[in-house]
Amino acid sequence: MDTIDCHTLKALQQDGRKKNSELAKETGLAPSTMLDRVKKLEDRGIIQGYRAVVNPGKLGLMAQGFACISLDRHRVKNIQNLEDEINNIPNVRACYHITGRFDYILHVVASDLEELGQLIKKQLATIPGMGKIETFLVYEEVKPDQGWPIDAAKKAGPA
């Protein structure tokens, strides 16, 4: 990846609807060349898709939290079952298999604290093989997800 690819990735993370002609102008490339470069980033799997940034409050999703989960048994069947169940719960925004005291950390959302409590008690806690769940409530989003740090990735080496 060169500086043009890095600029392109940063620009598209900031605004996925940015016009190809604007990207071309910013980088000094012909629009056809810019289109080819973006296509190559997509083909290489560096750009995996485009999406809208949605305001959860406008959707009535006023409660957010992180649920840290420990399994009671670390067997392939239990792990796969948990991951399958998690993937079927729409209020789980993201799930990461992690190291340390817990096995998974989930970003969860709900309309209010009561619904969030029901999500934890009735959907997560009832998954077979579930051990401990520790929940952390979000008071405020201090720094929203603004995409991946392209400049830091560039320093780490080629993709």
C-alpha atoms as a PDB file:
ATOM      1  CA  MET A   1       0.000   0.000   0.000  1.00  0.00           C
ATOM      2  CA  ASP A   2       1.302   3.418  -0.915  1.00  0.00           C
ATOM      3  CA  THR A   3       0.293   6.883   0.264  1.00  0.00           C
ATOM      4  CA  ILE A   4      -2.545   7.094  -2.275  1.00  0.00           C
ATOM      5  CA  ASP A   5      -4.041   3.828  -1.007  1.00  0.00           C
ATOM      6  CA  CYS A   6      -3.737   5.106   2.575  1.00  0.00           C
ATOM      7  CA  HIS A   7      -5.394   8.411   1.671  1.00  0.00           C
ATOM      8  CA  THR A   8      -8.157   6.535  -0.135  1.00  0.00           C
ATOM      9  CA  LEU A   9      -8.839   4.252   2.828  1.00  0.00           C
ATOM     10  CA  LYS A  10      -8.927   7.147   5.293  1.00  0.00           C
ATOM     11  CA  ALA A  11     -11.237   9.156   3.034  1.00  0.00           C
ATOM     12  CA  LEU A  12     -13.638   6.244   2.474  1.00  0.00           C
ATOM     13  CA  GLN A  13     -13.721   5.392   6.187  1.00  0.00           C
ATOM     14  CA  GLN A  14     -14.685   8.995   6.878  1.00  0.00           C
ATOM     15  CA  ASP A  15     -17.257   9.090   4.078  1.00  0.00           C
ATOM     16  CA  GLY A  16     -18.097   5.843   2.284  1.00  0.00           C
ATOM     17  CA  ARG A  17     -20.217   7.790  -0.207  1.00  0.00           C
ATOM     18  CA  LYS A  18     -17.357   9.996  -1.337  1.00  0.00           C
ATOM     19  CA  LYS A  19     -17.413  10.307  -5.101  1.00  0.00           C
ATOM     20  CA  ASN A  20     -14.685   8.710  -7.152  1.00  0.00           C
ATOM     21  CA  SER A  21     -14.125  12.030  -8.934  1.00  0.00           C
ATOM     22  CA  GLU A  22     -13.435  13.728  -5.560  1.00  0.00           C
ATOM     23  CA  LEU A  23     -10.961  11.014  -4.558  1.00  0.00           C
ATOM     24  CA  ALA A  24      -9.240  11.338  -7.916  1.00  0.00           C
ATOM     25  CA  LYS A  25      -8.978  15.110  -7.560  1.00  0.00           C
ATOM     26  CA  GLU A  26      -7.564  14.849  -4.030  1.00  0.00           C
ATOM     27  CA  THR A  27      -4.880  12.380  -5.103  1.00  0.00           C
ATOM     28  CA  GLY A  28      -4.078  13.873  -8.515  1.00  0.00           C
ATOM     29  CA  LEU A  29      -5.129  10.739 -10.383  1.00  0.00           C
ATOM     30  CA  ALA A  30      -7.445  10.295 -13.328  1.00  0.00           C
ATOM     31  CA  PRO A  31     -10.922   9.116 -12.267  1.00  0.00           C
ATOM     32  CA  SER A  32     -10.460   5.823 -14.161  1.00  0.00           C
ATOM     33  CA  THR A  33      -7.150   5.190 -12.379  1.00  0.00           C
ATOM     34  CA  MET A  34      -8.747   5.955  -8.995  1.00  0.00           C
ATOM     35  CA  LEU A  35     -11.634   3.598  -9.747  1.00  0.00           C
ATOM     36  CA  ASP A  36      -9.118   0.849 -10.586  1.00  0.00           C
ATOM     37  CA  ARG A  37      -7.245   1.459  -7.330  1.00  0.00           C
ATOM     38  CA  VAL A  38     -10.407   1.257  -5.228  1.00  0.00           C
ATOM     39  CA  LYS A  39     -11.421  -1.923  -7.062  1.00  0.00           C
ATOM     40  CA  LYS A  40      -8.010  -3.453  -6.290  1.00  0.00           C
ATOM     41  CA  LEU A  41      -8.401  -2.567  -2.593  1.00  0.00           C
ATOM     42  CA  GLU A  42     -11.793  -4.311  -2.685  1.00  0.00           C
ATOM     43  CA  ASP A  43     -10.426  -7.332  -4.579  1.00  0.00           C
ATOM     44  CA  ARG A  44      -7.585  -7.724  -2.064  1.00  0.00           C
ATOM     45  CA  GLY A  45     -10.141  -7.733   0.761  1.00  0.00           C
ATOM     46  CA  ILE A  46      -8.756  -4.556   2.320  1.00  0.00           C
ATOM     47  CA  ILE A  47     -12.081  -2.813   1.705  1.00  0.00           C
ATOM     48  CA  GLN A  48     -14.733  -5.308   2.786  1.00  0.00           C
ATOM     49  CA  GLY A  49     -17.845  -3.203   2.289  1.00  0.00           C
ATOM     50  CA  TYR A  50     -19.573   0.107   2.884  1.00  0.00           C
ATOM     51  CA  ARG A  51     -22.173   1.028   5.492  1.00  0.00           C
ATOM     52  CA  ALA A  52     -24.023   3.915   7.039  1.00  0.00           C
ATOM     53  CA  VAL A  53     -23.176   5.226  10.499  1.00  0.00           C
ATOM     54  CA  VAL A  54     -26.438   5.155  12.445  1.00  0.00           C
ATOM     55  CA  ASN A  55     -27.329   7.153  15.568  1.00  0.00           C
ATOM     56  CA  PRO A  56     -28.561   4.513  18.079  1.00  0.00           C
ATOM     57  CA  GLY A  57     -30.460   7.095  20.136  1.00  0.00           C
ATOM     58  CA  LYS A  58     -32.578   8.031  17.119  1.00  0.00           C
ATOM     59  CA  LEU A  59     -33.552   4.344  16.898  1.00  0.00           C
ATOM     60  CA  GLY A  60     -34.509   4.250  20.576  1.00  0.00           C
ATOM     61  CA  LEU A  61     -31.441   2.231  21.585  1.00  0.00           C
ATOM     62  CA  MET A  62     -30.591   4.173  24.738  1.00  0.00           C
ATOM     63  CA  ALA A  63     -28.671   1.535  26.728  1.00  0.00           C
ATOM     64  CA  GLN A  64     -25.321   0.088  25.750  1.00  0.00           C
ATOM     65  CA  GLY A  65     -22.989  -2.191  27.615  1.00  0.00           C
ATOM     66  CA  PHE A  66     -20.249  -4.748  27.401  1.00  0.00           C
ATOM     67  CA  ALA A  67     -20.887  -8.275  28.606  1.00  0.00           C
ATOM     68  CA  CYS A  68     -17.810 -10.263  29.536  1.00  0.00           C
ATOM     69  CA  ILE A  69     -18.467 -13.984  29.385  1.00  0.00           C
ATOM     70  CA  SER A  70     -16.721 -17.059  30.772  1.00  0.00           C
ATOM     71  CA  LEU A  71     -17.678 -20.530  29.621  1.00  0.00           C
ATOM     72  CA  ASP A  72     -18.131 -23.238  32.232  1.00  0.00           C
ATOM     73  CA  ARG A  73     -16.459 -25.784  29.927  1.00  0.00           C
ATOM     74  CA  HIS A  74     -13.942 -25.152  27.165  1.00  0.00           C
ATOM     75  CA  ARG A  75     -15.006 -27.831  24.728  1.00  0.00           C
ATOM     76  CA  VAL A  76     -15.364 -27.318  20.997  1.00  0.00           C
ATOM     77  CA  LYS A  77     -19.087 -28.111  21.189  1.00  0.00           C
ATOM     78  CA  ASN A  78     -19.669 -25.506  23.916  1.00  0.00           C
ATOM     79  CA  ILE A  79     -17.622 -22.867  22.102  1.00  0.00           C
ATOM     80  CA  GLN A  80     -19.393 -23.435  18.783  1.00  0.00           C
ATOM     81  CA  ASN A  81     -22.813 -23.472  20.444  1.00  0.00           C
ATOM     82  CA  LEU A  82     -22.143 -20.203  22.235  1.00  0.00           C
ATOM     83  CA  GLU A  83     -20.889 -18.528  19.055  1.00  0.00           C
ATOM     84  CA  ASP A  84     -23.904 -19.775  17.085  1.00  0.00           C
ATOM     85  CA  GLU A  85     -26.313 -18.479  19.740  1.00  0.00           C
ATOM     86  CA  ILE A  86     -24.526 -15.094  19.940  1.00  0.00           C
ATOM     87  CA  ASN A  87     -24.750 -14.697  16.162  1.00  0.00           C
ATOM     88  CA  ASN A  88     -28.537 -15.092  16.396  1.00  0.00           C
ATOM     89  CA  ILE A  89     -29.064 -12.294  18.951  1.00  0.00           C
ATOM     90  CA  PRO A  90     -29.611  -9.002  17.093  1.00  0.00           C
ATOM     91  CA  ASN A  91     -28.882  -6.877  20.178  1.00  0.00           C
ATOM     92  CA  VAL A  92     -25.274  -8.099  20.199  1.00  0.00           C
ATOM     93  CA  ARG A  93     -23.436  -5.566  18.022  1.00  0.00           C
ATOM     94  CA  ALA A  94     -20.064  -7.291  18.178  1.00  0.00           C
ATOM     95  CA  CYS A  95     -18.495 -10.320  19.825  1.00  0.00           C
ATOM     96  CA  TYR A  96     -14.801 -11.005  20.345  1.00  0.00           C
ATOM     97  CA  HIS A  97     -13.129 -14.204  21.552  1.00  0.00           C
ATOM     98  CA  ILE A  98     -10.443 -12.905  23.904  1.00  0.00           C
ATOM     99  CA  THR A  99      -7.673 -13.957  26.261  1.00  0.00           C
ATOM    100  CA  GLY A 100      -7.534 -13.270  29.969  1.00  0.00           C
ATOM    101  CA  ARG A 101     -10.072 -13.652  32.743  1.00  0.00           C
ATOM    102  CA  PHE A 102     -13.006 -13.891  30.319  1.00  0.00           C
ATOM    103  CA  ASP A 103     -13.477 -15.869  27.137  1.00  0.00           C
ATOM    104  CA  TYR A 104     -15.632 -13.393  25.199  1.00  0.00           C
ATOM    105  CA  ILE A 105     -16.565  -9.738  25.266  1.00  0.00           C
ATOM    106  CA  LEU A 106     -19.817  -8.594  23.665  1.00  0.00           C
ATOM    107  CA  HIS A 107     -21.017  -5.092  22.816  1.00  0.00           C
ATOM    108  CA  VAL A 108     -24.749  -5.148  23.561  1.00  0.00           C
ATOM    109  CA  VAL A 109     -27.526  -2.581  23.040  1.00  0.00           C
ATOM    110  CA  ALA A 110     -31.138  -2.236  24.140  1.00  0.00           C
ATOM    111  CA  SER A 111     -33.896   0.334  24.382  1.00  0.00           C
ATOM    112  CA  ASP A 112     -33.413   0.771  28.132  1.00  0.00           C
ATOM    113  CA  LEU A 113     -31.819  -0.826  31.192  1.00  0.00           C
ATOM    114  CA  GLU A 114     -34.770  -3.149  31.760  1.00  0.00           C
ATOM    115  CA  GLU A 115     -34.483  -4.575  28.257  1.00  0.00           C
ATOM    116  CA  LEU A 116     -30.714  -4.820  28.642  1.00  0.00           C
ATOM    117  CA  GLY A 117     -31.218  -6.787  31.860  1.00  0.00           C
ATOM    118  CA  GLN A 118     -33.634  -9.133  30.096  1.00  0.00           C
ATOM    119  CA  LEU A 119     -31.111  -9.628  27.288  1.00  0.00           C
ATOM    120  CA  ILE A 120     -28.495 -10.678  29.829  1.00  0.00           C
ATOM    121  CA  LYS A 121     -30.806 -12.829  31.979  1.00  0.00           C
ATOM    122  CA  LYS A 122     -33.026 -14.480  29.381  1.00  0.00           C
ATOM    123  CA  GLN A 123     -30.908 -14.663  26.246  1.00  0.00           C
ATOM    124  CA  LEU A 124     -27.256 -14.770  27.258  1.00  0.00           C
ATOM    125  CA  ALA A 125     -27.392 -16.481  30.657  1.00  0.00           C
ATOM    126  CA  THR A 126     -29.536 -19.318  29.288  1.00  0.00           C
ATOM    127  CA  ILE A 127     -27.066 -20.377  26.585  1.00  0.00           C
ATOM    128  CA  PRO A 128     -25.883 -23.914  27.412  1.00  0.00           C
ATOM    129  CA  GLY A 129     -22.315 -23.926  28.707  1.00  0.00           C
ATOM    130  CA  MET A 130     -22.521 -20.329  29.902  1.00  0.00           C
ATOM    131  CA  GLY A 131     -20.475 -19.688  33.006  1.00  0.00           C
ATOM    132  CA  LYS A 132     -20.052 -16.207  34.434  1.00  0.00           C
ATOM    133  CA  ILE A 133     -21.326 -12.963  32.870  1.00  0.00           C
ATOM    134  CA  GLU A 134     -20.054  -9.590  34.058  1.00  0.00           C
ATOM    135  CA  THR A 135     -21.738  -6.541  32.534  1.00  0.00           C
ATOM    136  CA  PHE A 136     -20.370  -3.020  32.191  1.00  0.00           C
ATOM    137  CA  LEU A 137     -22.774  -0.192  31.321  1.00  0.00           C
ATOM    138  CA  VAL A 138     -21.780   2.604  28.954  1.00  0.00           C
ATOM    139  CA  TYR A 139     -22.365   6.074  30.394  1.00  0.00           C
ATOM    140  CA  GLU A 140     -21.160   7.981  27.364  1.00  0.00           C
ATOM    141  CA  GLU A 141     -19.406   7.335  24.075  1.00  0.00           C
ATOM    142  CA  VAL A 142     -16.247   9.417  24.399  1.00  0.00           C
ATOM    143  CA  LYS A 143     -14.611   8.434  21.114  1.00  0.00           C
ATOM    144  CA  PRO A 144     -16.828   6.805  18.513  1.00  0.00           C
ATOM    145  CA  ASP A 145     -15.497   4.217  16.103  1.00  0.00           C
ATOM    146  CA  GLN A 146     -13.899   6.215  13.316  1.00  0.00           C
ATOM    147  CA  GLY A 147     -12.464   3.320  11.386  1.00  0.00           C
ATOM    148  CA  TRP A 148      -9.117   1.575  11.482  1.00  0.00           C
ATOM    149  CA  PRO A 149      -5.935   3.605  12.089  1.00  0.00           C
ATOM    150  CA  ILE A 150      -4.518   3.546   8.552  1.00  0.00           C
ATOM    151  CA  ASP A 151      -1.334   5.445   9.434  1.00  0.00           C
ATOM    152  CA  ALA A 152      -0.538   3.007  12.254  1.00  0.00           C
ATOM    153  CA  ALA A 153      -1.150   0.059   9.932  1.00  0.00           C
ATOM    154  CA  LYS A 154       1.163   1.602   7.328  1.00  0.00           C
ATOM    155  CA  LYS A 155       3.989   1.716   9.895  1.00  0.00           C
ATOM    156  CA  ALA A 156       3.392  -1.942  10.776  1.00  0.00           C
ATOM    157  CA  GLY A 157       4.122  -3.138   7.248  1.00  0.00           C
ATOM    158  CA  PRO A 158       2.495  -3.999   3.915  1.00  0.00           C
ATOM    159  CA  ALA A 159      -0.887  -5.638   3.657  1.00  0.00           C
END
